[in-house]
């Protein structure tokens, strides 16, 4: 992907380098493509997503995706040929890893260039059984709904910043709808939930029955001027400016999460009210590990995303595409903002 213009993509054939001691080669089997991947590209320079899988080509980046892979060659005592992993991979056929064992089920890629990157992206889970429908849902939903759950936990952890309503921008995105659902399931549903979305996606968001109010982007000035938190999944600078101007002093916190509207994103804006702050999900994970001890937040995330995924057929249509080249038009539609929110795209390489 062209780092200067993430709509420009190309596919290259690259010779596989021989393995050294301690390394394995894994081949991707299936992975998801969502608006979250567009955010990875749009925010890559700011957050460092290009650093996970260096392309070796000046100005070009390898997009990270979530999915499943199998060890096809090994010079490691940690993983044998045939072992399968779930985790963070490049949009490519193969990846060379330096696996380090983490407990009974975990593996860490200990490659030197990844040592200073957030550990949550460097950890992989061993996959014991093959359940293809479940794997497709896991690749599509676990990363997105994990972020949704952590956002909800962060809001509760901060007593919703004293707000009476939570406004979710791009509520039709899977991370947005997940947050709406997690907020709606809080005991007593303590805060009003407002879903912001486009006209074309408004009926989809209403049908989720998770929002108290659904408002389209052209009607931001109709939002009740009461103490509010804005959770922005879209990165749309125009909508953000309108909302900050409308709510101004009653806006208690403004949180930037995604950039699904990356083409309307501006790094720096002069806004009324509080300055937006970026939410980084791994930071909330580390906080909860410190609060509760290792493993607790991970179990909560697993239970939470699987709970929402259990009725995914009512709001999600899984579409499978075959071959690495099939990823290009899917990514293009996502980057151009033309994807249907009901669609969940899986690229199958086996």
Protein backbone atom coordinates (compact mmCIF):
# COMPACT_ATOMS: atom_id res chain seq x y z
CA UNK A 1 0.00 0.00 0.00
CA UNK A 2 1.27 3.46 -0.89
CA UNK A 3 1.89 5.14 2.46
CA UNK A 4 1.19 8.56 0.94
CA UNK A 5 -2.15 7.46 -0.60
CA UNK A 6 -3.66 4.35 0.96
CA UNK A 7 -6.05 3.86 -1.98
CA UNK A 8 -3.07 2.89 -4.17
CA UNK A 9 -2.20 -0.78 -3.91
CA UNK A 10 -0.08 -3.27 -5.78
CA UNK A 11 0.83 -6.94 -5.52
CA UNK A 12 4.45 -8.10 -5.73
CA UNK A 13 6.06 -11.52 -6.04
CA UNK A 14 8.96 -11.72 -3.61
CA UNK A 15 11.41 -14.62 -3.28
CA UNK A 16 11.16 -16.43 0.08
CA UNK A 17 14.25 -15.98 2.23
CA UNK A 18 15.75 -19.15 3.77
CA UNK A 19 15.04 -19.64 7.47
CA UNK A 20 17.66 -19.28 10.18
CA UNK A 21 17.74 -21.20 13.47
CA UNK A 22 14.75 -20.37 15.67
CA UNK A 23 12.52 -19.20 12.82
CA UNK A 24 9.36 -20.61 11.26
CA UNK A 25 7.49 -19.79 8.08
CA UNK A 26 3.71 -19.59 8.35
CA UNK A 27 1.29 -19.50 5.42
CA UNK A 28 -1.93 -17.56 5.79
CA UNK A 29 -5.12 -19.57 5.39
CA UNK A 30 -7.89 -17.03 5.99
CA UNK A 31 -8.15 -13.46 7.21
CA UNK A 32 -10.70 -10.66 7.50
CA UNK A 33 -10.79 -7.29 5.77
CA UNK A 34 -12.83 -4.55 7.48
CA UNK A 35 -12.86 -0.79 7.92
CA UNK A 36 -10.54 -1.45 10.86
CA UNK A 37 -7.82 -2.38 8.37
CA UNK A 38 -8.36 0.95 6.61
CA UNK A 39 -7.77 2.62 9.98
CA UNK A 40 -4.52 0.68 10.31
CA UNK A 41 -3.38 2.14 7.00
CA UNK A 42 -4.64 5.67 7.71
CA UNK A 43 -3.08 5.81 11.18
CA UNK A 44 -0.01 3.72 10.41
CA UNK A 45 2.51 6.56 10.46
CA UNK A 46 1.04 8.04 13.65
CA UNK A 47 0.76 4.76 15.60
CA UNK A 48 3.38 2.59 13.93
CA UNK A 49 1.41 -0.12 12.14
CA UNK A 50 3.84 -0.16 9.19
CA UNK A 51 6.57 -1.30 11.59
CA UNK A 52 5.11 -4.76 12.26
CA UNK A 53 5.78 -6.15 8.78
CA UNK A 54 8.38 -4.00 7.00
CA UNK A 55 7.94 -4.21 3.24
CA UNK A 56 11.55 -3.37 2.40
CA UNK A 57 10.23 -1.08 -0.34
CA UNK A 58 10.55 2.66 0.16
CA UNK A 59 7.17 4.35 0.57
CA UNK A 60 5.24 1.06 0.55
CA UNK A 61 3.62 -0.63 3.55
CA UNK A 62 2.24 -4.10 4.28
CA UNK A 63 -1.25 -3.85 5.76
CA UNK A 64 -1.85 -5.81 9.00
CA UNK A 65 -4.83 -8.17 9.10
CA UNK A 66 -6.29 -10.59 11.65
CA UNK A 67 -6.55 -14.22 10.69
CA UNK A 68 -5.25 -17.79 10.75
CA UNK A 69 -2.03 -19.32 9.46
CA UNK A 70 -0.25 -22.69 9.45
CA UNK A 71 3.42 -23.43 9.99
CA UNK A 72 4.78 -24.78 6.69
CA UNK A 73 8.49 -24.78 7.54
CA UNK A 74 10.23 -24.81 10.90
CA UNK A 75 13.69 -24.43 12.39
CA UNK A 76 12.24 -23.83 15.84
CA UNK A 77 11.66 -26.01 18.90
CA UNK A 78 8.53 -24.00 19.72
CA UNK A 79 6.36 -24.70 16.66
CA UNK A 80 6.32 -27.78 14.46
CA UNK A 81 5.17 -27.95 10.86
CA UNK A 82 1.36 -28.15 10.83
CA UNK A 83 0.84 -26.00 13.93
CA UNK A 84 -1.85 -23.34 13.44
CA UNK A 85 -2.01 -19.83 14.87
CA UNK A 86 -4.55 -17.02 15.18
CA UNK A 87 -3.32 -13.44 15.33
CA UNK A 88 -1.88 -10.41 13.55
CA UNK A 89 -0.40 -11.06 10.10
CA UNK A 90 0.56 -9.10 6.99
CA UNK A 91 -1.75 -9.06 3.98
CA UNK A 92 0.50 -11.56 2.23
CA UNK A 93 0.90 -15.28 1.66
CA UNK A 94 3.67 -15.95 4.16
CA UNK A 95 5.34 -14.56 7.26
CA UNK A 96 8.66 -15.50 8.86
CA UNK A 97 8.41 -15.49 12.65
CA UNK A 98 10.73 -16.11 15.61
CA UNK A 99 8.33 -17.88 18.00
CA UNK A 100 8.75 -17.83 21.75
CA UNK A 101 6.46 -19.94 23.94
CA UNK A 102 3.98 -18.04 26.15
CA UNK A 103 2.28 -20.32 28.63
CA UNK A 104 0.27 -23.32 27.47
CA UNK A 105 -1.50 -21.83 24.48
CA UNK A 106 0.37 -18.66 23.54
CA UNK A 107 3.22 -17.79 21.21
CA UNK A 108 5.12 -14.52 20.94
CA UNK A 109 6.83 -13.35 17.76
CA UNK A 110 10.17 -12.32 19.27
CA UNK A 111 11.55 -10.83 16.04
CA UNK A 112 13.88 -7.97 16.95
CA UNK A 113 12.02 -5.33 14.95
CA UNK A 114 8.81 -6.06 16.89
CA UNK A 115 10.34 -5.88 20.38
CA UNK A 116 9.27 -2.28 21.09
CA UNK A 117 5.79 -2.59 19.55
CA UNK A 118 2.61 -3.21 21.62
CA UNK A 119 2.80 -6.78 22.86
CA UNK A 120 -0.90 -7.49 22.26
CA UNK A 121 -0.19 -7.47 18.50
CA UNK A 122 2.86 -9.74 18.87
CA UNK A 123 1.01 -12.52 20.70
CA UNK A 124 -0.56 -15.46 18.85
CA UNK A 125 -2.95 -18.16 20.01
CA UNK A 126 -2.46 -21.79 19.03
CA UNK A 127 -5.50 -23.22 17.26
CA UNK A 128 -6.22 -26.84 18.17
CA UNK A 129 -9.28 -27.61 16.06
CA UNK A 130 -10.47 -26.33 12.70
CA UNK A 131 -13.98 -24.88 12.82
CA UNK A 132 -14.10 -22.80 9.65
CA UNK A 133 -17.36 -20.88 10.30
CA UNK A 134 -16.13 -20.00 13.81
CA UNK A 135 -12.72 -19.00 12.46
CA UNK A 136 -14.35 -16.64 9.97
CA UNK A 137 -16.36 -14.96 12.72
CA UNK A 138 -13.32 -14.79 14.99
CA UNK A 139 -11.18 -13.14 12.31
CA UNK A 140 -13.96 -10.65 11.54
CA UNK A 141 -15.27 -9.84 14.99
CA UNK A 142 -12.80 -10.57 17.78
CA UNK A 143 -10.42 -7.63 17.09
CA UNK A 144 -13.29 -5.18 16.52
CA UNK A 145 -15.51 -6.26 19.40
CA UNK A 146 -12.49 -6.46 21.71
CA UNK A 147 -11.97 -2.76 21.03
CA UNK A 148 -15.70 -2.14 21.59
CA UNK A 149 -15.58 -3.93 24.93
CA UNK A 150 -12.45 -2.10 26.03
CA UNK A 151 -14.05 1.24 25.10
CA UNK A 152 -17.09 0.37 27.21
CA UNK A 153 -14.86 -0.74 30.09
CA UNK A 154 -12.83 2.48 29.78
CA UNK A 155 -15.98 4.61 29.90
CA UNK A 156 -17.20 2.77 33.00
CA UNK A 157 -13.71 2.99 34.52
CA UNK A 158 -13.88 6.79 34.11
CA UNK A 159 -17.52 7.07 35.29
CA UNK A 160 -18.44 8.14 31.73
CA UNK A 161 -16.59 11.42 32.44
CA UNK A 162 -19.75 12.67 34.15
CA UNK A 163 -21.74 12.57 30.91
CA UNK A 164 -25.46 11.89 30.53
CA UNK A 165 -25.20 10.59 26.96
CA UNK A 166 -22.62 8.73 24.89
CA UNK A 167 -22.48 9.67 21.20
CA UNK A 168 -20.94 7.07 18.88
CA UNK A 169 -19.73 8.28 15.49
CA UNK A 170 -19.95 5.72 12.65
CA UNK A 171 -22.31 3.59 14.71
CA UNK A 172 -22.80 1.30 11.70
CA UNK A 173 -19.16 0.14 11.86
CA UNK A 174 -18.68 -3.17 13.63
CA UNK A 175 -16.66 -1.51 16.40
CA UNK A 176 -19.35 1.17 16.71
CA UNK A 177 -22.25 -1.26 16.84
CA UNK A 178 -20.35 -3.39 19.34
CA UNK A 179 -19.90 -0.40 21.64
CA UNK A 180 -23.60 0.45 21.32
CA UNK A 181 -24.52 -3.10 22.29
CA UNK A 182 -22.10 -3.28 25.24
CA UNK A 183 -23.32 0.08 26.58
CA UNK A 184 -26.93 -1.03 26.17
CA UNK A 185 -26.21 -4.16 28.21
CA UNK A 186 -24.75 -2.28 31.19
CA UNK A 187 -26.83 -2.82 34.35
CA UNK A 188 -29.63 -0.27 34.38
CA UNK A 189 -28.51 1.14 31.00
CA UNK A 190 -27.24 4.23 32.86
CA UNK A 191 -26.55 6.55 29.92
CA UNK A 192 -28.41 7.61 26.79
CA UNK A 193 -26.83 6.05 23.69
CA UNK A 194 -26.81 8.14 20.51
CA UNK A 195 -25.71 6.53 17.25
CA UNK A 196 -24.35 8.85 14.55
CA UNK A 197 -24.38 7.50 11.01
CA UNK A 198 -25.12 8.26 7.37
CA UNK A 199 -28.62 8.35 5.88
CA UNK A 200 -27.89 5.12 4.03
CA UNK A 201 -26.98 3.24 7.21
CA UNK A 202 -29.54 4.76 9.59
CA UNK A 203 -32.09 1.95 9.24
CA UNK A 204 -29.36 -0.64 9.79
CA UNK A 205 -28.34 1.04 13.06
CA UNK A 206 -31.94 1.42 14.23
CA UNK A 207 -32.54 -2.30 13.60
CA UNK A 208 -29.78 -3.16 16.09
CA UNK A 209 -32.05 -1.89 18.90
CA UNK A 210 -28.99 -0.77 20.86
CA UNK A 211 -29.31 3.02 20.50
CA UNK A 212 -31.80 5.28 22.27
CA UNK A 213 -31.54 7.68 19.33
CA UNK A 214 -30.09 7.46 15.81
CA UNK A 215 -29.03 10.74 14.20
CA UNK A 216 -27.60 11.28 10.73
CA UNK A 217 -24.45 13.31 10.11
CA UNK A 218 -26.38 16.23 8.60
CA UNK A 219 -28.48 16.59 11.79
CA UNK A 220 -25.72 16.92 14.40
CA UNK A 221 -27.28 20.18 15.61
CA UNK A 222 -30.35 18.23 16.82
CA UNK A 223 -28.34 16.32 19.46
CA UNK A 224 -29.54 17.20 22.96
CA UNK A 225 -27.12 19.78 24.48
CA UNK A 226 -26.54 17.85 27.70
CA UNK A 227 -23.24 16.61 29.20
CA UNK A 228 -21.86 14.21 26.59
CA UNK A 229 -18.95 12.02 25.54
CA UNK A 230 -18.17 11.68 21.84
CA UNK A 231 -16.58 8.41 20.71
CA UNK A 232 -15.46 8.94 17.12
CA UNK A 233 -15.02 5.85 14.96
CA UNK A 234 -15.02 7.75 11.67
CA UNK A 235 -12.38 10.49 11.94
CA UNK A 236 -14.64 12.78 9.89
CA UNK A 237 -13.22 16.24 10.62
CA UNK A 238 -16.33 18.10 9.42
CA UNK A 239 -18.70 16.13 11.64
CA UNK A 240 -16.33 16.45 14.59
CA UNK A 241 -16.13 20.23 14.18
CA UNK A 242 -19.92 20.54 13.98
CA UNK A 243 -20.43 18.38 17.05
CA UNK A 244 -17.80 20.21 19.10
CA UNK A 245 -19.31 23.56 18.12
CA UNK A 246 -22.84 22.41 18.94
CA UNK A 247 -22.01 20.87 22.32
CA UNK A 248 -18.98 23.00 23.27
CA UNK A 249 -18.92 23.37 27.07
CA UNK A 250 -21.20 20.38 27.76
CA UNK A 251 -18.89 18.03 25.87
CA UNK A 252 -17.06 16.26 28.70
CA UNK A 253 -14.69 14.19 26.57
CA UNK A 254 -13.94 13.60 22.89
CA UNK A 255 -12.35 10.29 22.01
CA UNK A 256 -10.81 9.33 18.65
CA UNK A 257 -10.83 5.60 17.91
CA UNK A 258 -10.94 4.91 14.18
CA UNK A 259 -10.64 6.68 10.84
CA UNK A 260 -13.18 4.89 8.65
CA UNK A 261 -13.72 8.32 7.00
CA UNK A 262 -9.95 8.65 6.67
CA UNK A 263 -10.25 10.95 3.62
CA UNK A 264 -11.97 13.56 5.81
CA UNK A 265 -9.54 13.18 8.70
CA UNK A 266 -7.37 16.10 9.83
CA UNK A 267 -4.51 15.54 12.24
CA UNK A 268 -4.92 18.94 13.93
CA UNK A 269 -8.13 20.92 14.34
CA UNK A 270 -9.05 24.06 16.24
CA UNK A 271 -12.17 22.83 18.00
CA UNK A 272 -14.58 24.15 20.59
CA UNK A 273 -14.71 22.20 23.83
CA UNK A 274 -12.19 19.55 24.95
CA UNK A 275 -9.30 18.53 22.74
CA UNK A 276 -9.88 15.04 21.27
CA UNK A 277 -7.72 12.29 22.73
CA UNK A 278 -6.82 9.05 20.95
CA UNK A 279 -8.03 5.80 22.53
CA UNK A 280 -5.44 3.04 22.32
CA UNK A 281 -6.99 -0.30 23.25
CA UNK A 282 -3.69 -1.98 24.34
CA UNK A 283 -3.27 0.70 27.01
CA UNK A 284 -6.62 -0.24 28.60
CA UNK A 285 -5.62 -3.90 28.48
CA UNK A 286 -2.38 -3.13 30.32
CA UNK A 287 -4.26 -1.04 32.90
CA UNK A 288 -6.69 -3.85 33.61
CA UNK A 289 -3.86 -6.38 33.83
CA UNK A 290 -2.34 -4.17 36.51
CA UNK A 291 -5.73 -3.73 38.25
CA UNK A 292 -6.91 -7.33 38.14
CA UNK A 293 -3.89 -9.50 37.40
CA UNK A 294 -2.95 -11.38 34.21
CA UNK A 295 -5.60 -13.21 32.22
CA UNK A 296 -8.74 -11.62 33.69
CA UNK A 297 -9.38 -8.95 31.06
CA UNK A 298 -8.57 -11.44 28.30
CA UNK A 299 -11.27 -13.83 29.58
CA UNK A 300 -13.77 -10.98 29.78
CA UNK A 301 -13.00 -9.92 26.20
CA UNK A 302 -13.40 -13.49 24.92
CA UNK A 303 -16.77 -13.92 26.63
CA UNK A 304 -17.97 -10.49 25.50
CA UNK A 305 -17.20 -10.81 21.78
CA UNK A 306 -18.57 -14.33 21.62
CA UNK A 307 -21.77 -13.17 23.30
CA UNK A 308 -22.41 -10.59 20.57
CA UNK A 309 -21.23 -12.93 17.81
CA UNK A 310 -23.82 -15.52 18.90
CA UNK A 311 -26.55 -13.56 17.09
CA UNK A 312 -24.32 -12.21 14.32
CA UNK A 313 -26.49 -13.80 11.62
CA UNK A 314 -29.13 -11.13 12.33
CA UNK A 315 -26.81 -8.25 11.37
CA UNK A 316 -23.83 -9.77 9.54
CA UNK A 317 -23.50 -11.43 6.12
CA UNK A 318 -20.18 -13.26 5.80
CA UNK A 319 -18.81 -13.17 2.25
CA UNK A 320 -15.79 -15.30 1.32
CA UNK A 321 -13.33 -14.48 -1.46
CA UNK A 322 -10.70 -16.88 -2.79
CA UNK A 323 -7.06 -16.01 -3.46
CA UNK A 324 -4.81 -13.18 -2.35
CA UNK A 325 -5.65 -11.11 -5.41
CA UNK A 326 -9.33 -11.05 -4.33
CA UNK A 327 -8.33 -8.85 -1.38
CA UNK A 328 -7.59 -5.88 -3.66
CA UNK A 329 -11.17 -4.98 -4.74
CA UNK A 330 -12.47 -5.64 -1.21
CA UNK A 331 -9.88 -3.32 0.29
CA UNK A 332 -10.57 -0.73 -2.42
CA UNK A 333 -14.30 -0.67 -1.60
CA UNK A 334 -13.54 -0.30 2.11
CA UNK A 335 -11.03 2.49 1.50
CA UNK A 336 -13.51 4.29 -0.78
CA UNK A 337 -16.26 4.03 1.85
CA UNK A 338 -18.47 1.94 -0.44
CA UNK A 339 -18.84 -1.17 1.74
CA UNK A 340 -22.20 -2.33 3.09
CA UNK A 341 -22.16 -2.42 6.93
CA UNK A 342 -23.85 -5.84 6.89
CA UNK A 343 -21.00 -7.38 4.92
CA UNK A 344 -18.12 -9.20 6.56
CA UNK A 345 -15.34 -10.06 4.11
CA UNK A 346 -13.09 -13.08 4.52
CA UNK A 347 -10.15 -13.82 2.18
CA UNK A 348 -9.51 -17.57 1.87
CA UNK A 349 -6.07 -18.71 0.72
CA UNK A 350 -6.55 -22.49 1.11
